[in-house]
Amino acid sequence: MRIQFVGIDPSTDRNECPTVWVDKEGQRLLIQSYNADEASRAQCEATSPAYGPVPPTETIISIPARMVPAIRKAIDALDGPGLH
């Protein structure tokens, strides 16, 4: 599996640093970010089309809006020829 770094939270303090990688081979994004708080998690589960708790193999993460450019870059990398 070839994983490429795409971007890190521009206001990181290096202790808490949401990060985005792309796996072009596996056609997926890999995202490190904060765990969603319990209230957000409960609201997500309540509005999910699956109408149930998040399975133990999955989680809900909270991604700061300032990470949108890195996520867009990662999506473009999956759609296009590669990272620039």
PDB file of N, CA and C in Angstrom:
ATOM      1  N   MET A   1       0.856  -1.172   0.000  1.00  0.00           N
ATOM      2  CA  MET A   1       0.000   0.000   0.000  1.00  0.00           C
ATOM      3  C   MET A   1       0.900   1.234   0.000  1.00  0.00           C
ATOM      4  N   ARG A   2       0.665   2.107  -0.926  1.00  0.00           N
ATOM      5  CA  ARG A   2       1.445   3.338  -1.021  1.00  0.00           C
ATOM      6  C   ARG A   2       0.596   4.488  -0.488  1.00  0.00           C
ATOM      7  N   ILE A   3       1.001   5.045   0.629  1.00  0.00           N
ATOM      8  CA  ILE A   3       0.271   6.141   1.263  1.00  0.00           C
ATOM      9  C   ILE A   3       1.094   7.412   1.135  1.00  0.00           C
ATOM     10  N   GLN A   4       0.416   8.489   0.716  1.00  0.00           N
ATOM     11  CA  GLN A   4       1.080   9.767   0.530  1.00  0.00           C
ATOM     12  C   GLN A   4       0.504  10.809   1.480  1.00  0.00           C
ATOM     13  N   PHE A   5       1.376  11.554   2.136  1.00  0.00           N
ATOM     14  CA  PHE A   5       0.969  12.669   2.981  1.00  0.00           C
ATOM     15  C   PHE A   5       0.370  13.752   2.086  1.00  0.00           C
ATOM     16  N   VAL A   6      -0.742  14.354   2.529  1.00  0.00           N
ATOM     17  CA  VAL A   6      -1.380  15.426   1.771  1.00  0.00           C
ATOM     18  C   VAL A   6      -1.298  16.752   2.523  1.00  0.00           C
ATOM     19  N   GLY A   7      -1.696  16.745   3.787  1.00  0.00           N
ATOM     20  CA  GLY A   7      -1.694  18.014   4.514  1.00  0.00           C
ATOM     21  C   GLY A   7      -1.938  17.831   5.990  1.00  0.00           C
ATOM     22  N   ILE A   8      -1.532  18.846   6.732  1.00  0.00           N
ATOM     23  CA  ILE A   8      -1.698  18.855   8.181  1.00  0.00           C
ATOM     24  C   ILE A   8      -2.435  20.132   8.560  1.00  0.00           C
ATOM     25  N   ASP A   9      -3.134  20.105   9.666  1.00  0.00           N
ATOM     26  CA  ASP A   9      -3.855  21.268  10.163  1.00  0.00           C
ATOM     27  C   ASP A   9      -2.917  22.472  10.163  1.00  0.00           C
ATOM     28  N   PRO A  10      -3.286  23.549   9.450  1.00  0.00           N
ATOM     29  CA  PRO A  10      -2.390  24.699   9.359  1.00  0.00           C
ATOM     30  C   PRO A  10      -2.148  25.400  10.690  1.00  0.00           C
ATOM     31  N   SER A  11      -2.998  25.179  11.670  1.00  0.00           N
ATOM     32  CA  SER A  11      -2.766  25.808  12.969  1.00  0.00           C
ATOM     33  C   SER A  11      -2.389  24.774  14.019  1.00  0.00           C
ATOM     34  N   THR A  12      -1.705  23.741  13.594  1.00  0.00           N
ATOM     35  CA  THR A  12      -1.294  22.688  14.509  1.00  0.00           C
ATOM     36  C   THR A  12      -0.281  23.189  15.534  1.00  0.00           C
ATOM     37  N   ASP A  13      -0.341  22.563  16.688  1.00  0.00           N
ATOM     38  CA  ASP A  13       0.668  22.849  17.711  1.00  0.00           C
ATOM     39  C   ASP A  13       1.640  21.675  17.823  1.00  0.00           C
ATOM     40  N   ARG A  14       1.545  20.760  16.884  1.00  0.00           N
ATOM     41  CA  ARG A  14       2.374  19.549  16.800  1.00  0.00           C
ATOM     42  C   ARG A  14       2.034  18.522  17.875  1.00  0.00           C
ATOM     43  N   ASN A  15       1.126  18.838  18.770  1.00  0.00           N
ATOM     44  CA  ASN A  15       0.649  17.851  19.742  1.00  0.00           C
ATOM     45  C   ASN A  15      -0.702  17.302  19.306  1.00  0.00           C
ATOM     46  N   GLU A  16      -1.520  18.159  18.792  1.00  0.00           N
ATOM     47  CA  GLU A  16      -2.815  17.774  18.243  1.00  0.00           C
ATOM     48  C   GLU A  16      -2.790  18.251  16.803  1.00  0.00           C
ATOM     49  N   CYS A  17      -2.703  17.312  15.876  1.00  0.00           N
ATOM     50  CA  CYS A  17      -2.504  17.734  14.496  1.00  0.00           C
ATOM     51  C   CYS A  17      -3.305  16.885  13.516  1.00  0.00           C
ATOM     52  N   PRO A  18      -4.572  17.270  13.278  1.00  0.00           N
ATOM     53  CA  PRO A  18      -5.325  16.576  12.244  1.00  0.00           C
ATOM     54  C   PRO A  18      -4.521  16.539  10.946  1.00  0.00           C
ATOM     55  N   THR A  19      -4.508  15.382  10.318  1.00  0.00           N
ATOM     56  CA  THR A  19      -3.674  15.144   9.153  1.00  0.00           C
ATOM     57  C   THR A  19      -4.458  14.343   8.113  1.00  0.00           C
ATOM     58  N   VAL A  20      -4.139  14.557   6.836  1.00  0.00           N
ATOM     59  CA  VAL A  20      -4.791  13.829   5.743  1.00  0.00           C
ATOM     60  C   VAL A  20      -3.721  13.147   4.889  1.00  0.00           C
ATOM     61  N   TRP A  21      -3.968  11.885   4.577  1.00  0.00           N
ATOM     62  CA  TRP A  21      -3.140  11.117   3.651  1.00  0.00           C
ATOM     63  C   TRP A  21      -4.057  10.540   2.582  1.00  0.00           C
ATOM     64  N   VAL A  22      -3.485  10.113   1.471  1.00  0.00           N
ATOM     65  CA  VAL A  22      -4.266   9.466   0.424  1.00  0.00           C
ATOM     66  C   VAL A  22      -3.586   8.147   0.067  1.00  0.00           C
ATOM     67  N   ASP A  23      -4.397   7.145  -0.170  1.00  0.00           N
ATOM     68  CA  ASP A  23      -3.941   5.840  -0.657  1.00  0.00           C
ATOM     69  C   ASP A  23      -4.554   5.682  -2.039  1.00  0.00           C
ATOM     70  N   LYS A  24      -3.789   6.050  -3.070  1.00  0.00           N
ATOM     71  CA  LYS A  24      -4.316   5.988  -4.439  1.00  0.00           C
ATOM     72  C   LYS A  24      -4.595   4.564  -4.869  1.00  0.00           C
ATOM     73  N   GLU A  25      -3.748   3.655  -4.439  1.00  0.00           N
ATOM     74  CA  GLU A  25      -3.926   2.250  -4.794  1.00  0.00           C
ATOM     75  C   GLU A  25      -5.250   1.716  -4.243  1.00  0.00           C
ATOM     76  N   GLY A  26      -5.516   2.025  -2.995  1.00  0.00           N
ATOM     77  CA  GLY A  26      -6.748   1.566  -2.353  1.00  0.00           C
ATOM     78  C   GLY A  26      -7.922   2.510  -2.543  1.00  0.00           C
ATOM     79  N   GLN A  27      -7.673   3.657  -3.242  1.00  0.00           N
ATOM     80  CA  GLN A  27      -8.702   4.651  -3.515  1.00  0.00           C
ATOM     81  C   GLN A  27      -9.417   5.087  -2.234  1.00  0.00           C
ATOM     82  N   ARG A  28      -8.625   5.607  -1.288  1.00  0.00           N
ATOM     83  CA  ARG A  28      -9.227   6.046  -0.028  1.00  0.00           C
ATOM     84  C   ARG A  28      -8.422   7.177   0.600  1.00  0.00           C
ATOM     85  N   LEU A  29      -9.112   7.924   1.444  1.00  0.00           N
ATOM     86  CA  LEU A  29      -8.485   8.956   2.256  1.00  0.00           C
ATOM     87  C   LEU A  29      -8.240   8.370   3.640  1.00  0.00           C
ATOM     88  N   LEU A  30      -7.157   8.780   4.251  1.00  0.00           N
ATOM     89  CA  LEU A  30      -6.867   8.403   5.633  1.00  0.00           C
ATOM     90  C   LEU A  30      -6.780   9.715   6.409  1.00  0.00           C
ATOM     91  N   ILE A  31      -7.555   9.822   7.465  1.00  0.00           N
ATOM     92  CA  ILE A  31      -7.653  11.080   8.191  1.00  0.00           C
ATOM     93  C   ILE A  31      -7.426  10.852   9.680  1.00  0.00           C
ATOM     94  N   GLN A  32      -6.520  11.635  10.236  1.00  0.00           N
ATOM     95  CA  GLN A  32      -6.306  11.669  11.680  1.00  0.00           C
ATOM     96  C   GLN A  32      -6.981  12.940  12.169  1.00  0.00           C
ATOM     97  N   SER A  33      -7.839  12.808  13.158  1.00  0.00           N
ATOM     98  CA  SER A  33      -8.480  13.995  13.700  1.00  0.00           C
ATOM     99  C   SER A  33      -9.008  13.687  15.094  1.00  0.00           C
ATOM    100  N   TYR A  34      -9.784  14.592  15.611  1.00  0.00           N
ATOM    101  CA  TYR A  34     -10.310  14.475  16.965  1.00  0.00           C
ATOM    102  C   TYR A  34     -11.495  13.527  17.017  1.00  0.00           C
ATOM    103  N   ASN A  35     -11.649  12.835  18.137  1.00  0.00           N
ATOM    104  CA  ASN A  35     -12.847  12.033  18.354  1.00  0.00           C
ATOM    105  C   ASN A  35     -14.025  12.977  18.534  1.00  0.00           C
ATOM    106  N   ALA A  36     -15.147  12.644  17.952  1.00  0.00           N
ATOM    107  CA  ALA A  36     -16.346  13.443  18.154  1.00  0.00           C
ATOM    108  C   ALA A  36     -16.786  13.319  19.607  1.00  0.00           C
ATOM    109  N   ASP A  37     -17.312  14.413  20.152  1.00  0.00           N
ATOM    110  CA  ASP A  37     -17.799  14.352  21.531  1.00  0.00           C
ATOM    111  C   ASP A  37     -19.086  13.521  21.591  1.00  0.00           C
ATOM    112  N   GLU A  38     -19.449  13.116  22.780  1.00  0.00           N
ATOM    113  CA  GLU A  38     -20.605  12.218  22.947  1.00  0.00           C
ATOM    114  C   GLU A  38     -21.904  12.818  22.417  1.00  0.00           C
ATOM    115  N   ALA A  39     -22.110  14.116  22.627  1.00  0.00           N
ATOM    116  CA  ALA A  39     -23.343  14.751  22.140  1.00  0.00           C
ATOM    117  C   ALA A  39     -23.401  14.720  20.613  1.00  0.00           C
ATOM    118  N   SER A  40     -22.286  15.031  19.952  1.00  0.00           N
ATOM    119  CA  SER A  40     -22.248  14.989  18.485  1.00  0.00           C
ATOM    120  C   SER A  40     -22.444  13.560  17.990  1.00  0.00           C
ATOM    121  N   ARG A  41     -21.796  12.623  18.646  1.00  0.00           N
ATOM    122  CA  ARG A  41     -21.917  11.219  18.264  1.00  0.00           C
ATOM    123  C   ARG A  41     -23.382  10.766  18.356  1.00  0.00           C
ATOM    124  N   ALA A  42     -24.032  11.115  19.446  1.00  0.00           N
ATOM    125  CA  ALA A  42     -25.438  10.730  19.635  1.00  0.00           C
ATOM    126  C   ALA A  42     -26.319  11.347  18.551  1.00  0.00           C
ATOM    127  N   GLN A  43     -26.062  12.614  18.194  1.00  0.00           N
ATOM    128  CA  GLN A  43     -26.850  13.256  17.144  1.00  0.00           C
ATOM    129  C   GLN A  43     -26.604  12.609  15.791  1.00  0.00           C
ATOM    130  N   CYS A  44     -25.364  12.239  15.520  1.00  0.00           N
ATOM    131  CA  CYS A  44     -25.052  11.556  14.257  1.00  0.00           C
ATOM    132  C   CYS A  44     -25.776  10.210  14.193  1.00  0.00           C
ATOM    133  N   GLU A  45     -25.702   9.463  15.272  1.00  0.00           N
ATOM    134  CA  GLU A  45     -26.358   8.149  15.302  1.00  0.00           C
ATOM    135  C   GLU A  45     -27.870   8.291  15.162  1.00  0.00           C
ATOM    136  N   ALA A  46     -28.441   9.335  15.752  1.00  0.00           N
ATOM    137  CA  ALA A  46     -29.894   9.538  15.695  1.00  0.00           C
ATOM    138  C   ALA A  46     -30.363   9.909  14.291  1.00  0.00           C
ATOM    139  N   THR A  47     -29.494  10.520  13.495  1.00  0.00           N
ATOM    140  CA  THR A  47     -29.897  10.948  12.157  1.00  0.00           C
ATOM    141  C   THR A  47     -29.351  10.042  11.058  1.00  0.00           C
ATOM    142  N   SER A  48     -28.674   8.970  11.430  1.00  0.00           N
ATOM    143  CA  SER A  48     -28.096   8.058  10.444  1.00  0.00           C
ATOM    144  C   SER A  48     -29.175   7.243   9.746  1.00  0.00           C
ATOM    145  N   PRO A  49     -29.056   7.044   8.435  1.00  0.00           N
ATOM    146  CA  PRO A  49     -30.009   6.181   7.732  1.00  0.00           C
ATOM    147  C   PRO A  49     -29.998   4.754   8.279  1.00  0.00           C
ATOM    148  N   ALA A  50     -28.896   4.353   8.932  1.00  0.00           N
ATOM    149  CA  ALA A  50     -28.825   3.006   9.504  1.00  0.00           C
ATOM    150  C   ALA A  50     -29.587   2.930  10.824  1.00  0.00           C
ATOM    151  N   TYR A  51     -29.917   4.072  11.420  1.00  0.00           N
ATOM    152  CA  TYR A  51     -30.668   4.145  12.676  1.00  0.00           C
ATOM    153  C   TYR A  51     -30.106   3.247  13.758  1.00  0.00           C
ATOM    154  N   GLY A  52     -28.851   3.379  14.018  1.00  0.00           N
ATOM    155  CA  GLY A  52     -28.281   2.575  15.073  1.00  0.00           C
ATOM    156  C   GLY A  52     -26.936   3.104  15.502  1.00  0.00           C
ATOM    157  N   PRO A  53     -26.371   2.446  16.493  1.00  0.00           N
ATOM    158  CA  PRO A  53     -25.068   2.891  16.961  1.00  0.00           C
ATOM    159  C   PRO A  53     -23.983   2.621  15.922  1.00  0.00           C
ATOM    160  N   VAL A  54     -22.924   3.393  16.014  1.00  0.00           N
ATOM    161  CA  VAL A  54     -21.776   3.206  15.140  1.00  0.00           C
ATOM    162  C   VAL A  54     -21.134   1.868  15.512  1.00  0.00           C
ATOM    163  N   PRO A  55     -20.858   1.014  14.541  1.00  0.00           N
ATOM    164  CA  PRO A  55     -20.262  -0.288  14.847  1.00  0.00           C
ATOM    165  C   PRO A  55     -18.889  -0.135  15.501  1.00  0.00           C
ATOM    166  N   PRO A  56     -18.446  -1.125  16.250  1.00  0.00           N
ATOM    167  CA  PRO A  56     -17.160  -1.039  16.929  1.00  0.00           C
ATOM    168  C   PRO A  56     -15.961  -0.893  15.988  1.00  0.00           C
ATOM    169  N   THR A  57     -16.128  -1.255  14.740  1.00  0.00           N
ATOM    170  CA  THR A  57     -15.029  -1.127  13.776  1.00  0.00           C
ATOM    171  C   THR A  57     -14.977   0.253  13.124  1.00  0.00           C
ATOM    172  N   GLU A  58     -15.884   1.153  13.499  1.00  0.00           N
ATOM    173  CA  GLU A  58     -15.948   2.491  12.930  1.00  0.00           C
ATOM    174  C   GLU A  58     -16.001   3.522  14.055  1.00  0.00           C
ATOM    175  N   THR A  59     -15.794   4.782  13.679  1.00  0.00           N
ATOM    176  CA  THR A  59     -15.895   5.865  14.648  1.00  0.00           C
ATOM    177  C   THR A  59     -16.362   7.128  13.943  1.00  0.00           C
ATOM    178  N   ILE A  60     -16.752   8.101  14.697  1.00  0.00           N
ATOM    179  CA  ILE A  60     -17.102   9.409  14.156  1.00  0.00           C
ATOM    180  C   ILE A  60     -15.990  10.356  14.578  1.00  0.00           C
ATOM    181  N   ILE A  61     -15.411  11.035  13.602  1.00  0.00           N
ATOM    182  CA  ILE A  61     -14.345  11.976  13.910  1.00  0.00           C
ATOM    183  C   ILE A  61     -14.812  13.397  13.641  1.00  0.00           C
ATOM    184  N   SER A  62     -14.188  14.327  14.280  1.00  0.00           N
ATOM    185  CA  SER A  62     -14.490  15.743  14.110  1.00  0.00           C
ATOM    186  C   SER A  62     -13.322  16.378  13.361  1.00  0.00           C
ATOM    187  N   ILE A  63     -13.617  16.920  12.190  1.00  0.00           N
ATOM    188  CA  ILE A  63     -12.577  17.504  11.350  1.00  0.00           C
ATOM    189  C   ILE A  63     -12.764  19.016  11.326  1.00  0.00           C
ATOM    190  N   PRO A  64     -11.743  19.778  11.726  1.00  0.00           N
ATOM    191  CA  PRO A  64     -11.859  21.236  11.680  1.00  0.00           C
ATOM    192  C   PRO A  64     -12.064  21.728  10.249  1.00  0.00           C
ATOM    193  N   ALA A  65     -12.911  22.721  10.076  1.00  0.00           N
ATOM    194  CA  ALA A  65     -13.188  23.274   8.746  1.00  0.00           C
ATOM    195  C   ALA A  65     -11.919  23.755   8.065  1.00  0.00           C
ATOM    196  N   ARG A  66     -10.926  24.158   8.843  1.00  0.00           N
ATOM    197  CA  ARG A  66      -9.675  24.636   8.238  1.00  0.00           C
ATOM    198  C   ARG A  66      -8.928  23.523   7.512  1.00  0.00           C
ATOM    199  N   MET A  67      -9.383  22.264   7.669  1.00  0.00           N
ATOM    200  CA  MET A  67      -8.759  21.133   6.981  1.00  0.00           C
ATOM    201  C   MET A  67      -9.363  20.895   5.598  1.00  0.00           C
ATOM    202  N   VAL A  68     -10.403  21.639   5.235  1.00  0.00           N
ATOM    203  CA  VAL A  68     -11.065  21.443   3.939  1.00  0.00           C
ATOM    204  C   VAL A  68     -10.095  21.525   2.761  1.00  0.00           C
ATOM    205  N   PRO A  69      -9.166  22.486   2.714  1.00  0.00           N
ATOM    206  CA  PRO A  69      -8.239  22.514   1.579  1.00  0.00           C
ATOM    207  C   PRO A  69      -7.416  21.227   1.450  1.00  0.00           C
ATOM    208  N   ALA A  70      -6.962  20.678   2.557  1.00  0.00           N
ATOM    209  CA  ALA A  70      -6.177  19.437   2.498  1.00  0.00           C
ATOM    210  C   ALA A  70      -7.050  18.272   2.047  1.00  0.00           C
ATOM    211  N   ILE A  71      -8.292  18.250   2.490  1.00  0.00           N
ATOM    212  CA  ILE A  71      -9.201  17.172   2.086  1.00  0.00           C
ATOM    213  C   ILE A  71      -9.524  17.293   0.595  1.00  0.00           C
ATOM    214  N   ARG A  72      -9.741  18.511   0.116  1.00  0.00           N
ATOM    215  CA  ARG A  72      -9.970  18.710  -1.325  1.00  0.00           C
ATOM    216  C   ARG A  72      -8.760  18.245  -2.133  1.00  0.00           C
ATOM    217  N   LYS A  73      -7.571  18.581  -1.658  1.00  0.00           N
ATOM    218  CA  LYS A  73      -6.347  18.168  -2.345  1.00  0.00           C
ATOM    219  C   LYS A  73      -6.259  16.640  -2.396  1.00  0.00           C
ATOM    220  N   ALA A  74      -6.637  15.980  -1.309  1.00  0.00           N
ATOM    221  CA  ALA A  74      -6.612  14.525  -1.272  1.00  0.00           C
ATOM    222  C   ALA A  74      -7.633  13.931  -2.242  1.00  0.00           C
ATOM    223  N   ILE A  75      -8.809  14.513  -2.291  1.00  0.00           N
ATOM    224  CA  ILE A  75      -9.838  14.032  -3.224  1.00  0.00           C
ATOM    225  C   ILE A  75      -9.370  14.223  -4.660  1.00  0.00           C
ATOM    226  N   ASP A  76      -8.780  15.381  -4.947  1.00  0.00           N
ATOM    227  CA  ASP A  76      -8.245  15.631  -6.289  1.00  0.00           C
ATOM    228  C   ASP A  76      -7.163  14.612  -6.635  1.00  0.00           C
ATOM    229  N   ALA A  77      -6.355  14.244  -5.644  1.00  0.00           N
ATOM    230  CA  ALA A  77      -5.291  13.262  -5.890  1.00  0.00           C
ATOM    231  C   ALA A  77      -5.872  11.896  -6.255  1.00  0.00           C
ATOM    232  N   LEU A  78      -7.005  11.558  -5.673  1.00  0.00           N
ATOM    233  CA  LEU A  78      -7.648  10.283  -6.024  1.00  0.00           C
ATOM    234  C   LEU A  78      -8.245  10.349  -7.419  1.00  0.00           C
ATOM    235  N   ASP A  79      -8.740  11.509  -7.803  1.00  0.00           N
ATOM    236  CA  ASP A  79      -9.367  11.673  -9.116  1.00  0.00           C
ATOM    237  C   ASP A  79      -8.358  11.911 -10.230  1.00  0.00           C
ATOM    238  N   GLY A  80      -7.230  12.515  -9.886  1.00  0.00           N
ATOM    239  CA  GLY A  80      -6.281  12.947 -10.899  1.00  0.00           C
ATOM    240  C   GLY A  80      -5.027  12.082 -10.942  1.00  0.00           C
ATOM    241  N   PRO A  81      -4.019  12.581 -11.640  1.00  0.00           N
ATOM    242  CA  PRO A  81      -2.792  11.810 -11.838  1.00  0.00           C
ATOM    243  C   PRO A  81      -1.904  11.690 -10.604  1.00  0.00           C
ATOM    244  N   GLY A  82      -2.048  12.557  -9.625  1.00  0.00           N
ATOM    245  CA  GLY A  82      -1.192  12.439  -8.442  1.00  0.00           C
ATOM    246  C   GLY A  82      -1.125  13.711  -7.640  1.00  0.00           C
ATOM    247  N   LEU A  83      -0.379  13.657  -6.556  1.00  0.00           N
ATOM    248  CA  LEU A  83      -0.202  14.827  -5.709  1.00  0.00           C
ATOM    249  C   LEU A  83       0.837  15.740  -6.332  1.00  0.00           C
ATOM    250  N   HIS A  84       0.677  17.024  -6.102  1.00  0.00           N
ATOM    251  CA  HIS A  84       1.623  18.008  -6.658  1.00  0.00           C
ATOM    252  C   HIS A  84       2.539  18.506  -5.577  1.00  0.00           C
TER     253      HIS A  84
END
